[in-house]
Amino acid sequence: MEITTESLENHQLRLTIGVDEERTQQAMHQAARQITKQVNIPGFRKGKAPYELVVQRFGEDTVRREAAEILVEAVYSEALKQEGIEPYAPAALDDIQLRPITFQFVVPLRPTVELGDYRAYRLDPPQATVPDQDVEQALEQIREQHAMLEQVERPAALDDGAVIDLAAHTAQGEEFLKGEGLRLLLDAASTDPAPGFAEAIVGMQAGDERTFTLTLPADFQREELRGQEAEFTVKMVEVYQNILPALDDDLARTAGNFDSLNALEAQVRQQLQQAVQGKADEQYTTQVLGAIVEQAQVEYPPVMLAEELDDMVKDYEQAVKRQARLSLEDYLRLQQKTRDDLRAELTPGAAARLRRALVLGEVIRLERLAVEEDEVGAAIEESSATWGIRADEVRASLNSDAGRSAVHNRLLSNKAVQRLVAIARGEAPELAPVEEAEEQGSGAAGEQGSGGAGEQGSGAAEEQETGSEGQEAGSEEAGSEQVEEG
């Protein structure tokens, strides 16, 4: 065989294989015998007509074409072995020439990831602080939560409570709201039932009636009325003053098991500190992962991105069925979109997700990270326990082969992210030499990681932010966000 290779863009290879004439003739004779077994040739039993007669009757090109079909798989496999090519997926047969028989394939190559000196990356960890103003605001919210309403004989003001009778009509006279004894807080920021409603009834006393016109909000519950003007008729029944308790030890004892206001304030500050620090740590993790992904050199074939897109479309479809109770086709029709439009919209996200997955897979391989079966079991128990009466159902789903694989990948991905954070902080353990790691049995972890750079790595990234419910849980959040955006 004569073999030539040519590197193509997008991590693909053009493989051209020319078959020598001797082997071609052998395949042509085999093809001729197959032809004679399938058709009747006068004067001969099936399979017994001479080669020359078959060529004369059906034409040499026909026999050569049949011979090419016989040869294609074998010569492709031989060429891969001879050239040391490891394809990611089946190649596409791009062209066949018959004289001489020559095959041209486009071969998708396995992805490659170069992280560079990722272990030299450093980023100062955040030290979040809580301003006194935030603590004061939180204490004020506690006061508001324990406020008392006292009926007063005066005109209503903003921040008062009110009991009203309400009727609302469209410009065409259709009544679309009616209620008696409705309780509400006169909050200037409220848009329920329409922006400006609270201000419109300020100054009314018990027994007063007032009619006014407002524009319904863009998120009004009845879609056909959104943005329309409506006439509201309000009768004030009662007015209540909002009385806030004093910010003192009594409030602390009322709000919780606190001996003093200082103890309540300390608890509030600690909770705010944990929340602020947690958010800062999340942003830090995102920044670290983003930096490592950004500096990496990642190459993969188009078929890999197509597979990632297939997964994202499947996630999207599941989310549509859960939330909108529609098929994907019906949902897209309502959005005036096609599947191609959807794939085009999802492509940037799929590319980013795939790139992140491949980087994490390489981190897993290089850092020789592994997840033990008892870790998977513990994670399954922890996840399923949060589902209450559905715990057994979720546990069974997670204990399936697919479920355990998803949990395993999520844990492995989390370990990779945690290792990158430790590296950025300068707290990561030194890696043992490869020989020593193999002696300690870490070679198996390395094997798992190498798979992660392709197949396992993709799953790890997908499961990085999973919920709890088996395979479906991993896709629910991403799909839900996409549907909401749609």
Protein backbone atom coordinates (compact mmCIF):
# COMPACT_ATOMS: atom_id res chain seq x y z
CA MET A 1 0.00 0.00 0.00
CA GLU A 2 1.03 3.57 -0.63
CA ILE A 3 0.01 5.81 2.26
CA THR A 4 0.15 9.61 2.54
CA THR A 5 -1.13 11.82 5.32
CA GLU A 6 -2.02 15.51 5.43
CA SER A 7 -2.88 17.48 8.55
CA LEU A 8 -6.15 19.39 8.31
CA GLU A 9 -7.61 22.14 10.46
CA ASN A 10 -9.82 21.30 13.43
CA HIS A 11 -7.58 18.43 14.52
CA GLN A 12 -8.29 16.13 11.59
CA LEU A 13 -6.09 14.18 9.21
CA ARG A 14 -6.49 13.37 5.53
CA LEU A 15 -5.38 9.78 5.00
CA THR A 16 -4.85 8.64 1.40
CA ILE A 17 -4.33 4.92 0.75
CA GLY A 18 -3.35 3.54 -2.62
CA VAL A 19 -3.81 -0.23 -3.09
CA ASP A 20 -1.21 -2.06 -5.20
CA GLU A 21 -2.50 -3.76 -8.35
CA GLU A 22 -1.68 -7.30 -7.21
CA ARG A 23 -3.90 -6.96 -4.16
CA THR A 24 -6.51 -5.19 -6.28
CA GLN A 25 -6.63 -8.12 -8.71
CA GLN A 26 -7.12 -10.57 -5.85
CA ALA A 27 -10.00 -8.47 -4.52
CA MET A 28 -11.47 -8.18 -8.04
CA HIS A 29 -11.52 -11.95 -8.42
CA GLN A 30 -13.24 -12.22 -5.03
CA ALA A 31 -15.72 -9.53 -6.11
CA ALA A 32 -16.44 -11.37 -9.36
CA ARG A 33 -17.27 -14.56 -7.44
CA GLN A 34 -19.66 -12.59 -5.22
CA ILE A 35 -21.34 -11.12 -8.30
CA THR A 36 -21.84 -14.53 -9.89
CA LYS A 37 -23.49 -15.77 -6.69
CA GLN A 38 -26.03 -12.95 -6.82
CA VAL A 39 -27.02 -12.91 -10.51
CA ASN A 40 -27.86 -15.51 -13.14
CA ILE A 41 -25.39 -15.86 -16.02
CA PRO A 42 -26.73 -18.04 -18.84
CA GLY A 43 -24.83 -21.31 -19.22
CA PHE A 44 -23.31 -21.28 -15.74
CA ARG A 45 -24.41 -22.26 -12.27
CA LYS A 46 -24.35 -19.46 -9.67
CA GLY A 47 -20.82 -18.76 -8.54
CA LYS A 48 -19.24 -20.73 -11.43
CA ALA A 49 -18.94 -18.17 -14.25
CA PRO A 50 -15.31 -17.40 -15.21
CA TYR A 51 -13.74 -14.12 -14.10
CA GLU A 52 -13.15 -12.84 -17.65
CA LEU A 53 -16.82 -13.31 -18.53
CA VAL A 54 -17.95 -11.40 -15.42
CA VAL A 55 -15.64 -8.49 -16.29
CA GLN A 56 -16.86 -8.54 -19.91
CA ARG A 57 -20.54 -8.69 -18.90
CA PHE A 58 -20.58 -6.13 -16.05
CA GLY A 59 -17.59 -3.96 -16.87
CA GLU A 60 -14.23 -3.65 -15.16
CA ASP A 61 -15.27 -0.51 -13.20
CA THR A 62 -18.18 -2.39 -11.63
CA VAL A 63 -15.87 -5.19 -10.52
CA ARG A 64 -13.30 -2.67 -9.27
CA ARG A 65 -16.00 -0.86 -7.29
CA GLU A 66 -17.06 -4.13 -5.66
CA ALA A 67 -13.42 -4.89 -4.94
CA ALA A 68 -13.02 -1.47 -3.30
CA GLU A 69 -15.90 -2.27 -0.97
CA ILE A 70 -14.18 -5.52 -0.04
CA LEU A 71 -10.84 -3.77 0.63
CA VAL A 72 -11.88 -0.56 2.37
CA GLU A 73 -12.12 -1.70 6.00
CA ALA A 74 -9.02 -3.87 5.92
CA VAL A 75 -6.72 -1.33 4.26
CA TYR A 76 -7.98 1.44 6.57
CA SER A 77 -7.17 -0.61 9.67
CA GLU A 78 -3.76 -1.56 8.28
CA ALA A 79 -2.96 2.05 7.45
CA LEU A 80 -3.87 3.24 10.96
CA LYS A 81 -1.60 0.61 12.48
CA GLN A 82 1.24 1.26 10.06
CA GLU A 83 1.16 5.05 10.60
CA GLY A 84 0.47 4.87 14.34
CA ILE A 85 -2.73 6.92 14.00
CA GLU A 86 -5.24 6.83 16.88
CA PRO A 87 -8.60 8.20 15.67
CA TYR A 88 -11.12 9.67 18.09
CA ALA A 89 -14.10 8.41 16.06
CA PRO A 90 -14.79 6.60 12.77
CA ALA A 91 -13.32 8.32 9.74
CA ALA A 92 -15.33 9.73 6.85
CA LEU A 93 -14.62 8.17 3.45
CA ASP A 94 -14.13 11.31 1.40
CA ASP A 95 -13.28 9.88 -2.02
CA ILE A 96 -12.65 6.63 -3.93
CA GLN A 97 -10.65 6.31 -7.15
CA LEU A 98 -10.84 3.03 -9.09
CA ARG A 99 -7.73 3.17 -11.34
CA PRO A 100 -5.75 2.44 -9.26
CA ILE A 101 -7.98 1.84 -6.26
CA THR A 102 -7.31 4.74 -3.91
CA PHE A 103 -9.18 5.69 -0.75
CA GLN A 104 -9.20 9.12 0.84
CA PHE A 105 -10.37 9.40 4.46
CA VAL A 106 -10.83 12.33 6.82
CA VAL A 107 -9.84 11.03 10.25
CA PRO A 108 -10.88 12.82 13.46
CA LEU A 109 -7.94 12.70 15.86
CA ARG A 110 -8.02 12.29 19.60
CA PRO A 111 -8.11 15.62 21.46
CA THR A 112 -4.86 17.05 22.74
CA VAL A 113 -4.48 19.28 25.79
CA GLU A 114 -1.35 21.17 26.80
CA LEU A 115 -1.74 22.87 30.17
CA GLY A 116 1.68 24.50 30.17
CA ASP A 117 3.20 25.22 33.58
CA TYR A 118 -0.15 25.19 35.32
CA ARG A 119 1.47 24.38 38.67
CA ALA A 120 3.20 27.76 38.63
CA TYR A 121 -0.11 29.64 38.57
CA ARG A 122 -0.77 31.70 41.70
CA LEU A 123 -3.64 33.96 42.73
CA ASP A 124 -4.04 35.57 46.15
CA PRO A 125 -7.13 34.18 47.86
CA PRO A 126 -9.89 36.65 48.76
CA GLN A 127 -10.40 38.01 52.26
CA ALA A 128 -13.98 39.20 52.34
CA THR A 129 -15.19 41.65 54.97
CA VAL A 130 -18.68 42.66 56.08
CA PRO A 131 -19.32 46.42 56.35
CA ASP A 132 -21.04 47.59 59.53
CA GLN A 133 -23.74 49.04 57.29
CA ASP A 134 -24.70 45.53 56.12
CA VAL A 135 -24.98 44.32 59.72
CA GLU A 136 -27.17 47.31 60.57
CA GLN A 137 -29.37 46.62 57.55
CA ALA A 138 -29.76 42.96 58.53
CA LEU A 139 -30.74 43.96 62.09
CA GLU A 140 -33.25 46.41 60.63
CA GLN A 141 -34.76 43.59 58.57
CA ILE A 142 -35.13 41.55 61.77
CA ARG A 143 -36.98 44.51 63.32
CA GLU A 144 -39.31 44.64 60.30
CA GLN A 145 -39.95 40.90 60.51
CA HIS A 146 -41.17 41.38 64.11
CA ALA A 147 -43.12 44.58 63.49
CA MET A 148 -46.64 44.98 64.83
CA LEU A 149 -49.58 46.51 62.94
CA GLU A 150 -51.79 48.87 64.91
CA GLN A 151 -55.04 50.29 63.50
CA VAL A 152 -55.04 54.08 63.27
CA GLU A 153 -57.67 56.71 62.49
CA ARG A 154 -55.68 58.81 60.01
CA PRO A 155 -54.95 58.99 56.27
CA ALA A 156 -52.81 56.17 54.89
CA ALA A 157 -49.12 56.82 54.27
CA LEU A 158 -46.39 54.84 52.54
CA ASP A 159 -45.22 51.83 54.56
CA ASP A 160 -48.60 51.61 56.29
CA GLY A 161 -50.75 48.50 56.14
CA ALA A 162 -54.20 48.75 54.59
CA VAL A 163 -57.34 46.71 54.13
CA ILE A 164 -59.18 47.60 50.91
CA ASP A 165 -62.02 46.62 48.60
CA LEU A 166 -60.84 46.65 44.98
CA ALA A 167 -62.39 46.53 41.51
CA ALA A 168 -60.42 46.98 38.27
CA HIS A 169 -61.67 47.36 34.69
CA THR A 170 -60.00 47.50 31.29
CA ALA A 171 -60.48 50.49 28.98
CA GLN A 172 -63.26 48.43 27.32
CA GLY A 173 -65.08 48.04 30.65
CA GLU A 174 -64.14 44.39 31.32
CA GLU A 175 -63.71 43.67 35.02
CA PHE A 176 -60.50 41.69 35.51
CA LEU A 177 -59.82 42.19 39.26
CA LYS A 178 -62.24 42.19 42.19
CA GLY A 179 -61.70 41.56 45.86
CA GLU A 180 -62.93 42.54 49.31
CA GLY A 181 -60.94 42.79 52.51
CA LEU A 182 -57.61 42.68 50.66
CA ARG A 183 -54.59 43.28 52.90
CA LEU A 184 -51.49 44.98 51.54
CA LEU A 185 -48.45 46.97 52.56
CA LEU A 186 -48.15 50.37 50.90
CA ASP A 187 -44.72 49.80 49.40
CA ALA A 188 -43.63 52.35 46.79
CA ALA A 189 -41.45 49.73 45.07
CA SER A 190 -44.33 47.30 44.55
CA THR A 191 -45.77 46.79 41.06
CA ASP A 192 -48.73 44.69 42.25
CA PRO A 193 -51.30 45.12 40.81
CA ALA A 194 -49.68 48.01 38.90
CA PRO A 195 -46.77 50.43 39.37
CA GLY A 196 -47.87 53.47 41.40
CA PHE A 197 -50.78 51.69 43.08
CA ALA A 198 -49.50 52.33 46.63
CA GLU A 199 -48.92 56.04 45.96
CA ALA A 200 -52.40 56.31 44.39
CA ILE A 201 -54.14 55.37 47.65
CA VAL A 202 -51.88 57.35 49.99
CA GLY A 203 -54.00 59.91 51.86
CA MET A 204 -57.18 57.81 51.95
CA GLN A 205 -58.90 57.26 55.29
CA ALA A 206 -61.23 54.47 56.35
CA GLY A 207 -64.48 54.88 54.40
CA ASP A 208 -62.91 56.86 51.50
CA GLU A 209 -63.35 55.68 47.91
CA ARG A 210 -61.09 56.66 45.01
CA THR A 211 -60.95 55.87 41.28
CA PHE A 212 -57.74 56.26 39.22
CA THR A 213 -56.07 54.98 36.06
CA LEU A 214 -52.71 53.13 35.92
CA THR A 215 -50.76 51.18 33.29
CA LEU A 216 -50.53 47.45 33.92
CA PRO A 217 -46.98 46.09 34.23
CA ALA A 218 -45.14 44.14 31.52
CA ASP A 219 -45.22 40.99 33.69
CA PHE A 220 -48.93 41.14 34.50
CA GLN A 221 -50.38 37.66 34.93
CA ARG A 222 -52.78 38.06 32.00
CA GLU A 223 -50.52 38.43 29.00
CA GLU A 224 -53.13 40.10 26.77
CA LEU A 225 -53.53 42.98 29.28
CA ARG A 226 -49.86 43.78 29.72
CA GLY A 227 -49.03 47.42 29.06
CA GLN A 228 -52.70 48.45 28.87
CA GLU A 229 -54.31 51.20 30.90
CA ALA A 230 -56.80 50.09 33.54
CA GLU A 231 -59.23 51.86 35.86
CA PHE A 232 -59.01 50.98 39.57
CA THR A 233 -61.69 51.73 42.15
CA VAL A 234 -60.52 51.40 45.76
CA LYS A 235 -62.48 51.70 49.00
CA MET A 236 -60.33 52.07 52.11
CA VAL A 237 -61.62 49.82 54.89
CA GLU A 238 -58.87 50.10 57.54
CA VAL A 239 -55.46 51.74 57.93
CA TYR A 240 -52.71 50.20 60.05
CA GLN A 241 -49.51 51.76 61.30
CA ASN A 242 -46.39 49.61 61.11
CA ILE A 243 -44.78 49.74 64.58
CA LEU A 244 -41.20 48.52 64.73
CA PRO A 245 -39.86 47.07 68.00
CA ALA A 246 -36.86 48.66 69.66
CA LEU A 247 -33.46 47.31 68.72
CA ASP A 248 -32.65 45.92 72.16
CA ASP A 249 -32.17 42.77 74.20
CA ASP A 250 -35.90 42.02 74.14
CA LEU A 251 -35.85 41.89 70.35
CA ALA A 252 -32.83 39.56 70.49
CA ARG A 253 -34.71 37.18 72.79
CA THR A 254 -37.77 37.36 70.53
CA ALA A 255 -35.78 36.76 67.36
CA GLY A 256 -33.97 33.71 68.69
CA ASN A 257 -32.12 32.09 71.54
CA PHE A 258 -29.96 35.12 72.30
CA ASP A 259 -29.24 36.60 75.73
CA SER A 260 -28.55 40.08 74.40
CA LEU A 261 -28.55 42.33 71.38
CA ASN A 262 -24.76 41.95 71.19
CA ALA A 263 -25.13 38.19 70.85
CA LEU A 264 -27.70 38.62 68.06
CA GLU A 265 -25.46 41.13 66.30
CA ALA A 266 -22.47 38.74 66.56
CA GLN A 267 -24.53 35.93 65.03
CA VAL A 268 -25.77 38.16 62.22
CA ARG A 269 -22.21 39.32 61.46
CA GLN A 270 -20.94 35.73 61.42
CA GLN A 271 -23.68 34.62 59.02
CA LEU A 272 -23.05 37.57 56.74
CA GLN A 273 -19.31 36.88 56.86
CA GLN A 274 -19.84 33.24 55.87
CA ALA A 275 -22.11 34.24 53.00
CA VAL A 276 -19.76 36.94 51.71
CA GLN A 277 -16.71 34.71 52.05
CA GLY A 278 -18.53 31.84 50.36
CA LYS A 279 -19.42 34.04 47.40
CA ALA A 280 -15.86 35.36 47.22
CA ASP A 281 -14.51 31.81 47.29
CA GLU A 282 -16.86 30.81 44.45
CA GLN A 283 -15.68 33.76 42.38
CA TYR A 284 -12.07 32.84 43.20
CA THR A 285 -12.64 29.26 42.06
CA THR A 286 -14.25 30.46 38.84
CA GLN A 287 -11.34 32.83 38.21
CA VAL A 288 -8.73 30.12 38.82
CA LEU A 289 -10.47 27.60 36.57
CA GLY A 290 -10.99 30.24 33.90
CA ALA A 291 -7.32 31.19 33.95
CA ILE A 292 -6.11 27.59 33.62
CA VAL A 293 -8.60 26.90 30.81
CA GLU A 294 -7.62 30.13 29.05
CA GLN A 295 -3.89 29.39 29.06
CA ALA A 296 -4.33 25.78 27.90
CA GLN A 297 -3.75 24.72 24.30
CA VAL A 298 -6.75 22.55 23.41
CA GLU A 299 -7.47 20.88 20.08
CA TYR A 300 -10.32 18.55 19.19
CA PRO A 301 -12.14 17.38 16.04
CA PRO A 302 -15.53 18.78 14.97
CA VAL A 303 -17.28 15.50 15.74
CA MET A 304 -16.46 16.03 19.42
CA LEU A 305 -18.20 19.40 19.47
CA ALA A 306 -21.15 17.87 17.62
CA GLU A 307 -21.47 15.23 20.36
CA GLU A 308 -21.37 17.92 23.04
CA LEU A 309 -24.08 19.83 21.18
CA ASP A 310 -26.19 16.68 20.96
CA ASP A 311 -25.97 16.35 24.75
CA MET A 312 -26.92 19.98 25.31
CA VAL A 313 -29.89 19.76 22.95
CA LYS A 314 -31.03 16.64 24.80
CA ASP A 315 -30.73 18.49 28.13
CA TYR A 316 -32.68 21.41 26.66
CA GLU A 317 -35.39 19.08 25.40
CA GLN A 318 -35.79 17.46 28.82
CA ALA A 319 -36.06 20.88 30.47
CA VAL A 320 -38.73 21.97 27.98
CA LYS A 321 -40.78 18.85 28.73
CA ARG A 322 -40.52 19.40 32.49
CA GLN A 323 -41.17 23.13 32.58
CA ALA A 324 -43.27 24.00 29.55
CA ARG A 325 -44.96 20.59 29.14
CA LEU A 326 -44.24 20.81 25.41
CA SER A 327 -42.26 18.85 22.86
CA LEU A 328 -39.10 20.56 21.70
CA GLU A 329 -40.56 20.98 18.21
CA ASP A 330 -43.68 22.74 19.55
CA TYR A 331 -41.62 24.92 21.87
CA LEU A 332 -39.26 25.99 19.09
CA ARG A 333 -42.22 26.69 16.82
CA LEU A 334 -43.60 29.08 19.44
CA GLN A 335 -40.19 30.73 19.62
CA GLN A 336 -40.07 30.91 15.82
CA LYS A 337 -36.85 28.90 15.79
CA THR A 338 -35.57 25.71 14.20
CA ARG A 339 -33.34 23.00 15.62
CA ASP A 340 -30.49 24.48 13.60
CA ASP A 341 -31.15 27.86 15.23
CA LEU A 342 -31.05 26.21 18.64
CA ARG A 343 -27.79 24.41 17.88
CA ALA A 344 -26.26 27.66 16.66
CA GLU A 345 -27.26 29.38 19.90
CA LEU A 346 -25.88 26.54 22.01
CA THR A 347 -22.60 26.20 20.11
CA PRO A 348 -20.55 28.78 22.08
CA GLY A 349 -21.65 27.23 25.37
CA ALA A 350 -20.95 23.72 24.09
CA ALA A 351 -17.46 24.73 22.96
CA ALA A 352 -16.72 26.31 26.33
CA ARG A 353 -18.07 23.29 28.20
CA LEU A 354 -16.06 20.88 26.07
CA ARG A 355 -12.87 22.91 26.45
CA ARG A 356 -13.33 23.02 30.24
CA ALA A 357 -14.03 19.28 30.30
CA LEU A 358 -10.87 18.46 28.38
CA VAL A 359 -8.76 20.68 30.61
CA LEU A 360 -10.18 19.08 33.75
CA GLY A 361 -9.58 15.65 32.25
CA GLU A 362 -5.92 16.52 31.73
CA VAL A 363 -5.65 17.87 35.29
CA ILE A 364 -7.07 14.56 36.52
CA ARG A 365 -4.46 12.67 34.51
CA LEU A 366 -1.47 14.78 35.45
CA GLU A 367 -2.40 15.04 39.12
CA ARG A 368 -3.23 11.32 39.22
CA LEU A 369 -6.58 11.94 40.91
CA ALA A 370 -8.98 9.11 41.64
CA VAL A 371 -12.31 8.47 43.33
CA GLU A 372 -12.87 5.39 45.47
CA GLU A 373 -16.08 3.38 45.44
CA ASP A 374 -16.82 4.23 49.06
CA GLU A 375 -16.70 7.93 48.15
CA VAL A 376 -19.26 7.32 45.43
CA GLY A 377 -21.49 5.41 47.85
CA ALA A 378 -21.25 8.15 50.49
CA ALA A 379 -22.12 10.83 47.91
CA ILE A 380 -25.14 8.82 46.76
CA GLU A 381 -26.40 8.48 50.33
CA GLU A 382 -25.89 12.18 51.01
CA SER A 383 -27.65 13.22 47.80
CA SER A 384 -30.60 10.87 48.11
CA ALA A 385 -31.22 11.75 51.78
CA THR A 386 -32.27 15.27 50.81
CA TRP A 387 -35.20 13.97 48.70
CA GLY A 388 -37.43 12.94 51.59
CA ILE A 389 -40.10 10.48 50.54
CA ARG A 390 -38.41 10.12 47.13
CA ALA A 391 -35.08 9.14 48.70
CA ASP A 392 -35.36 5.45 47.79
CA GLU A 393 -36.29 6.28 44.21
CA VAL A 394 -33.37 8.67 43.82
CA ARG A 395 -30.98 6.25 45.53
CA ALA A 396 -31.96 3.50 43.10
CA SER A 397 -31.42 5.83 40.14
CA LEU A 398 -28.01 6.92 41.40
CA ASN A 399 -26.98 3.33 42.08
CA SER A 400 -27.54 2.35 38.45
CA ASP A 401 -24.43 2.03 36.29
CA ALA A 402 -25.15 5.36 34.60
CA GLY A 403 -25.97 7.03 37.91
CA ARG A 404 -22.81 5.85 39.65
CA SER A 405 -20.77 6.92 36.65
CA ALA A 406 -22.31 10.40 36.82
CA VAL A 407 -21.59 10.69 40.55
CA HIS A 408 -18.06 9.37 40.03
CA ASN A 409 -17.40 11.96 37.33
CA ARG A 410 -18.82 14.77 39.46
CA LEU A 411 -16.60 13.85 42.40
CA LEU A 412 -13.57 13.50 40.14
CA SER A 413 -14.27 16.86 38.54
CA ASN A 414 -14.66 18.50 41.95
CA LYS A 415 -11.32 17.04 43.02
CA ALA A 416 -9.69 18.50 39.91
CA VAL A 417 -11.15 21.94 40.61
CA GLN A 418 -10.15 21.74 44.27
CA ARG A 419 -6.61 20.78 43.25
CA LEU A 420 -6.38 23.78 40.91
CA VAL A 421 -7.55 26.05 43.76
CA ALA A 422 -4.93 24.53 46.05
CA ILE A 423 -2.28 25.14 43.38
CA ALA A 424 -3.35 28.77 42.98
CA ARG A 425 -3.14 29.24 46.76
CA GLY A 426 0.29 27.60 46.86
CA GLU A 427 -1.07 24.80 49.04
CA ALA A 428 -1.04 21.82 46.64
CA PRO A 429 1.00 18.75 47.60
CA GLU A 430 4.08 18.01 45.55
CA LEU A 431 3.57 15.33 42.92
CA ALA A 432 5.52 12.14 43.45
CA PRO A 433 7.72 11.00 40.55
CA VAL A 434 5.86 8.75 38.11
CA GLU A 435 7.93 5.69 39.06
CA GLU A 436 7.20 6.17 42.76
CA ALA A 437 3.51 6.80 42.09
CA GLU A 438 3.26 3.56 40.12
CA GLU A 439 4.92 1.66 42.95
CA GLN A 440 2.33 3.05 45.35
CA GLY A 441 -0.50 1.95 43.08
CA SER A 442 -1.28 5.39 41.70
CA GLY A 443 -0.89 4.18 38.17
CA ALA A 444 -4.55 3.21 38.16
CA ALA A 445 -5.51 6.76 38.98
CA GLY A 446 -3.40 7.95 36.09
CA GLU A 447 -5.25 5.57 33.79
CA GLN A 448 -8.56 6.98 34.89
CA GLY A 449 -7.30 10.47 34.27
CA SER A 450 -6.11 9.73 30.77
CA GLY A 451 -9.60 8.61 29.89
CA GLY A 452 -10.81 11.86 31.41
CA ALA A 453 -9.05 13.92 28.77
CA GLY A 454 -11.60 12.65 26.30
CA GLU A 455 -14.61 10.68 27.36
CA GLN A 456 -14.40 10.91 31.15
CA GLY A 457 -13.34 14.54 31.17
CA SER A 458 -16.45 15.60 29.32
CA GLY A 459 -18.66 13.84 31.78
CA ALA A 460 -16.75 15.36 34.68
CA ALA A 461 -17.40 18.89 33.51
CA GLU A 462 -21.05 18.17 32.84
CA GLU A 463 -21.45 16.86 36.38
CA GLN A 464 -19.50 19.68 38.01
CA GLU A 465 -22.68 21.48 39.05
CA THR A 466 -25.11 18.57 39.12
CA GLY A 467 -28.01 18.18 41.43
CA SER A 468 -28.87 14.80 42.88
CA GLU A 469 -31.23 12.79 40.75
CA GLY A 470 -29.19 10.40 38.65
CA GLN A 471 -28.39 11.12 35.04
CA GLU A 472 -31.27 13.58 34.72
CA ALA A 473 -30.09 15.79 37.56
CA GLY A 474 -26.86 16.68 35.82
CA SER A 475 -28.62 18.20 32.87
CA GLU A 476 -31.53 19.86 34.65
CA GLU A 477 -29.86 23.12 35.66
CA ALA A 478 -28.17 23.82 32.35
CA GLY A 479 -31.28 22.94 30.38
CA SER A 480 -33.50 25.00 32.67
CA GLU A 481 -31.36 28.09 32.24
CA GLN A 482 -31.45 27.72 28.48
CA VAL A 483 -35.25 27.38 28.43
CA GLU A 484 -35.66 30.45 30.59
CA GLU A 485 -33.43 32.40 28.25
CA GLY A 486 -35.43 31.08 25.27
